[in-house]
Structures are given as structure tokens and as C-alpha cells.
Amino acid sequence: MTLHREGTPTILLVSAVVVLINAGVCYATANSLVMGLTLLITISFWIFILSFFRIPSRVHTIQEGAVVAPADGEVVVIEEVQADEYFSDRRIQVSIFMSPLNVHVNRKSSKRRGTL
């Protein structure tokens, strides 16, 4: 698994903020419970940010008639729409909901397999 390069500034910023918050809490209080809770919360947030920008390795099996989604998530709508912005005819729209826990990387095929 790798991290998306566009996430580097955000990951670095969050890393610096996590270090500063934990150093500030450690300096400001001697209460180990407060320090432990602060560390737990900030590290959890840091791990969430890392998981948001992850690019996991995928192995795709191309089968005749199979449809491979370009993104992780849940398909919520498949409908025919009038596509006026880029096209002048009716197209099939597939809407995929991606929660913050899904991988936010859209993939494209290197070969065009056909259309819906």
C-alpha cells in the first residue's frame, strides 16, 4: 500500500499539529490521563488521515461481461440521464457514494472494454 502524493501536504501538516498538540499537553500538565487521552485522540486522527490517502494494491480479474467500478464505495444510483454539459445525448449515470472510510482514488482502465 502506498499513499497518494496529493495527500503529502495534508499528512505533513497533520503530523506537525499532532506533535505540537502532544508536546503542548505534555508541557502544560503532568496528568498522565490527560496526556494519554490526548495522545490517543491525536494519533487516531492521524491514522484516519493516513487511511484517507491510502492507495491499496488491487488485483482485477477481467471477465467477459463484468463491470468494474472506478472507485470504492456503494453504488447508489444507476439511471439514464440527459448529459447536456459534455454530450448532447442520453447517457447511463452510475453514482457511487464514498464515505470517509473508503479509498478516495478513482481508477481508470488502460484498455477500453466497451460502454454500458
C-alpha atoms as a PDB file:
ATOM      1  CA  MET A   1       0.000   0.000   0.000  1.00  0.00           C
ATOM      2  CA  THR A   2       1.219   3.479  -0.853  1.00  0.00           C
ATOM      3  CA  LEU A   3      -0.011   6.976  -0.102  1.00  0.00           C
ATOM      4  CA  HIS A   4      -1.334   9.370  -2.718  1.00  0.00           C
ATOM      5  CA  ARG A   5       1.176  12.121  -3.466  1.00  0.00           C
ATOM      6  CA  GLU A   6      -1.532  14.801  -3.366  1.00  0.00           C
ATOM      7  CA  GLY A   7      -2.016  13.982   0.318  1.00  0.00           C
ATOM      8  CA  THR A   8       1.589  14.781   1.277  1.00  0.00           C
ATOM      9  CA  PRO A   9       0.956  18.418   2.354  1.00  0.00           C
ATOM     10  CA  THR A  10      -2.059  17.409   4.435  1.00  0.00           C
ATOM     11  CA  ILE A  11      -0.246  14.469   6.028  1.00  0.00           C
ATOM     12  CA  LEU A  12       2.750  16.644   6.901  1.00  0.00           C
ATOM     13  CA  LEU A  13       0.526  19.382   8.332  1.00  0.00           C
ATOM     14  CA  VAL A  14      -1.489  16.934  10.442  1.00  0.00           C
ATOM     15  CA  SER A  15       1.738  15.268  11.620  1.00  0.00           C
ATOM     16  CA  ALA A  16       3.141  18.619  12.755  1.00  0.00           C
ATOM     17  CA  VAL A  17      -0.120  19.552  14.507  1.00  0.00           C
ATOM     18  CA  VAL A  18      -0.241  16.175  16.286  1.00  0.00           C
ATOM     19  CA  VAL A  19       3.332  16.618  17.525  1.00  0.00           C
ATOM     20  CA  LEU A  20       2.673  20.209  18.651  1.00  0.00           C
ATOM     21  CA  ILE A  21      -0.558  19.320  20.458  1.00  0.00           C
ATOM     22  CA  ASN A  22       1.046  16.410  22.279  1.00  0.00           C
ATOM     23  CA  ALA A  23       4.139  18.425  23.188  1.00  0.00           C
ATOM     24  CA  GLY A  24       1.959  21.282  24.437  1.00  0.00           C
ATOM     25  CA  VAL A  25      -0.190  18.987  26.571  1.00  0.00           C
ATOM     26  CA  CYS A  26       2.900  17.246  27.927  1.00  0.00           C
ATOM     27  CA  TYR A  27       4.443  20.610  28.819  1.00  0.00           C
ATOM     28  CA  ALA A  28       1.221  22.079  30.276  1.00  0.00           C
ATOM     29  CA  THR A  29       0.147  19.217  32.512  1.00  0.00           C
ATOM     30  CA  ALA A  30       1.656  16.386  34.481  1.00  0.00           C
ATOM     31  CA  ASN A  31      -1.623  14.462  34.450  1.00  0.00           C
ATOM     32  CA  SER A  32      -0.906  11.161  32.710  1.00  0.00           C
ATOM     33  CA  LEU A  33      -4.620  10.558  31.995  1.00  0.00           C
ATOM     34  CA  VAL A  34      -4.918  13.832  30.063  1.00  0.00           C
ATOM     35  CA  MET A  35      -1.676  13.121  28.189  1.00  0.00           C
ATOM     36  CA  GLY A  36      -2.810   9.579  27.362  1.00  0.00           C
ATOM     37  CA  LEU A  37      -6.244  10.683  26.113  1.00  0.00           C
ATOM     38  CA  THR A  38      -4.700  13.470  24.043  1.00  0.00           C
ATOM     39  CA  LEU A  39      -2.222  11.039  22.522  1.00  0.00           C
ATOM     40  CA  LEU A  40      -4.972   8.510  21.768  1.00  0.00           C
ATOM     41  CA  ILE A  41      -7.228  11.092  20.102  1.00  0.00           C
ATOM     42  CA  THR A  42      -4.495  12.773  18.049  1.00  0.00           C
ATOM     43  CA  ILE A  43      -2.913   9.502  16.887  1.00  0.00           C
ATOM     44  CA  SER A  44      -6.368   8.165  15.944  1.00  0.00           C
ATOM     45  CA  PHE A  45      -6.962  11.294  13.854  1.00  0.00           C
ATOM     46  CA  TRP A  46      -3.512  10.938  12.247  1.00  0.00           C
ATOM     47  CA  ILE A  47      -4.215   7.293  11.345  1.00  0.00           C
ATOM     48  CA  PHE A  48      -7.577   8.358   9.853  1.00  0.00           C
ATOM     49  CA  ILE A  49      -5.783  10.924   7.661  1.00  0.00           C
ATOM     50  CA  LEU A  50      -3.260   8.292   6.522  1.00  0.00           C
ATOM     51  CA  SER A  51      -6.048   5.835   5.687  1.00  0.00           C
ATOM     52  CA  PHE A  52      -7.904   8.531   3.717  1.00  0.00           C
ATOM     53  CA  PHE A  53      -4.941   8.978   1.343  1.00  0.00           C
ATOM     54  CA  ARG A  54      -4.031   5.286   1.007  1.00  0.00           C
ATOM     55  CA  ILE A  55      -3.736   3.563  -2.353  1.00  0.00           C
ATOM     56  CA  PRO A  56      -4.069  -0.167  -1.747  1.00  0.00           C
ATOM     57  CA  SER A  57      -2.831  -2.703  -4.255  1.00  0.00           C
ATOM     58  CA  ARG A  58      -5.658  -4.209  -6.283  1.00  0.00           C
ATOM     59  CA  VAL A  59      -5.802  -7.335  -8.383  1.00  0.00           C
ATOM     60  CA  HIS A  60      -8.522  -7.206 -11.001  1.00  0.00           C
ATOM     61  CA  THR A  61      -9.852 -10.257 -12.757  1.00  0.00           C
ATOM     62  CA  ILE A  62     -11.186  -9.252 -16.131  1.00  0.00           C
ATOM     63  CA  GLN A  63     -14.116 -11.445 -17.092  1.00  0.00           C
ATOM     64  CA  GLU A  64     -16.419 -11.267 -20.072  1.00  0.00           C
ATOM     65  CA  GLY A  65     -19.465  -9.185 -19.160  1.00  0.00           C
ATOM     66  CA  ALA A  66     -18.024  -7.989 -15.846  1.00  0.00           C
ATOM     67  CA  VAL A  67     -18.398  -4.373 -14.754  1.00  0.00           C
ATOM     68  CA  VAL A  68     -15.519  -2.932 -12.717  1.00  0.00           C
ATOM     69  CA  ALA A  69     -16.234   0.213 -10.720  1.00  0.00           C
ATOM     70  CA  PRO A  70     -13.699   3.051 -10.943  1.00  0.00           C
ATOM     71  CA  ALA A  71     -13.958   3.784  -7.201  1.00  0.00           C
ATOM     72  CA  ASP A  72     -14.568   2.129  -3.844  1.00  0.00           C
ATOM     73  CA  GLY A  73     -17.894   2.786  -2.194  1.00  0.00           C
ATOM     74  CA  GLU A  74     -21.535   1.919  -2.632  1.00  0.00           C
ATOM     75  CA  VAL A  75     -23.387   2.235  -5.925  1.00  0.00           C
ATOM     76  CA  VAL A  76     -26.445   4.294  -5.026  1.00  0.00           C
ATOM     77  CA  VAL A  77     -27.944   5.162  -8.422  1.00  0.00           C
ATOM     78  CA  ILE A  78     -27.801   3.762 -11.934  1.00  0.00           C
ATOM     79  CA  GLU A  79     -30.026   5.781 -14.221  1.00  0.00           C
ATOM     80  CA  GLU A  80     -30.301   7.176 -17.701  1.00  0.00           C
ATOM     81  CA  VAL A  81     -29.787  10.941 -17.793  1.00  0.00           C
ATOM     82  CA  GLN A  82     -29.661  13.698 -20.370  1.00  0.00           C
ATOM     83  CA  ALA A  83     -25.993  14.712 -20.376  1.00  0.00           C
ATOM     84  CA  ASP A  84     -26.021  18.316 -21.603  1.00  0.00           C
ATOM     85  CA  GLU A  85     -22.719  19.512 -20.155  1.00  0.00           C
ATOM     86  CA  TYR A  86     -20.323  17.471 -22.332  1.00  0.00           C
ATOM     87  CA  PHE A  87     -22.595  15.353 -24.548  1.00  0.00           C
ATOM     88  CA  SER A  88     -25.823  16.015 -26.417  1.00  0.00           C
ATOM     89  CA  ASP A  89     -27.480  12.642 -25.906  1.00  0.00           C
ATOM     90  CA  ARG A  90     -28.719  10.394 -23.113  1.00  0.00           C
ATOM     91  CA  ARG A  91     -26.115   8.513 -21.054  1.00  0.00           C
ATOM     92  CA  ILE A  92     -26.079   5.966 -18.232  1.00  0.00           C
ATOM     93  CA  GLN A  93     -25.018   7.611 -14.955  1.00  0.00           C
ATOM     94  CA  VAL A  94     -23.553   5.477 -12.170  1.00  0.00           C
ATOM     95  CA  SER A  95     -23.356   7.337  -8.838  1.00  0.00           C
ATOM     96  CA  ILE A  96     -21.014   5.928  -6.203  1.00  0.00           C
ATOM     97  CA  PHE A  97     -21.149   7.160  -2.597  1.00  0.00           C
ATOM     98  CA  MET A  98     -17.731   7.180  -0.943  1.00  0.00           C
ATOM     99  CA  SER A  99     -17.685   7.516   2.827  1.00  0.00           C
ATOM    100  CA  PRO A 100     -14.594   8.952   4.542  1.00  0.00           C
ATOM    101  CA  LEU A 101     -13.519   5.348   5.228  1.00  0.00           C
ATOM    102  CA  ASN A 102     -13.465   4.398   1.532  1.00  0.00           C
ATOM    103  CA  VAL A 103     -10.360   4.730  -0.627  1.00  0.00           C
ATOM    104  CA  HIS A 104     -10.673   8.057  -2.457  1.00  0.00           C
ATOM    105  CA  VAL A 105      -8.776   7.102  -5.594  1.00  0.00           C
ATOM    106  CA  ASN A 106     -10.583   6.805  -8.903  1.00  0.00           C
ATOM    107  CA  ARG A 107      -9.088   4.274 -11.259  1.00  0.00           C
ATOM    108  CA  LYS A 108      -9.254   4.018 -14.995  1.00  0.00           C
ATOM    109  CA  SER A 109      -8.676   1.094 -17.260  1.00  0.00           C
ATOM    110  CA  SER A 110      -5.670   1.069 -19.551  1.00  0.00           C
ATOM    111  CA  LYS A 111      -7.840  -0.523 -22.250  1.00  0.00           C
ATOM    112  CA  ARG A 112     -11.301   0.485 -23.276  1.00  0.00           C
ATOM    113  CA  ARG A 113     -13.547  -2.516 -22.747  1.00  0.00           C
ATOM    114  CA  GLY A 114     -16.739  -1.073 -24.137  1.00  0.00           C
ATOM    115  CA  THR A 115     -19.659   1.035 -22.966  1.00  0.00           C
ATOM    116  CA  LEU A 116     -22.794   0.404 -20.985  1.00  0.00           C
END
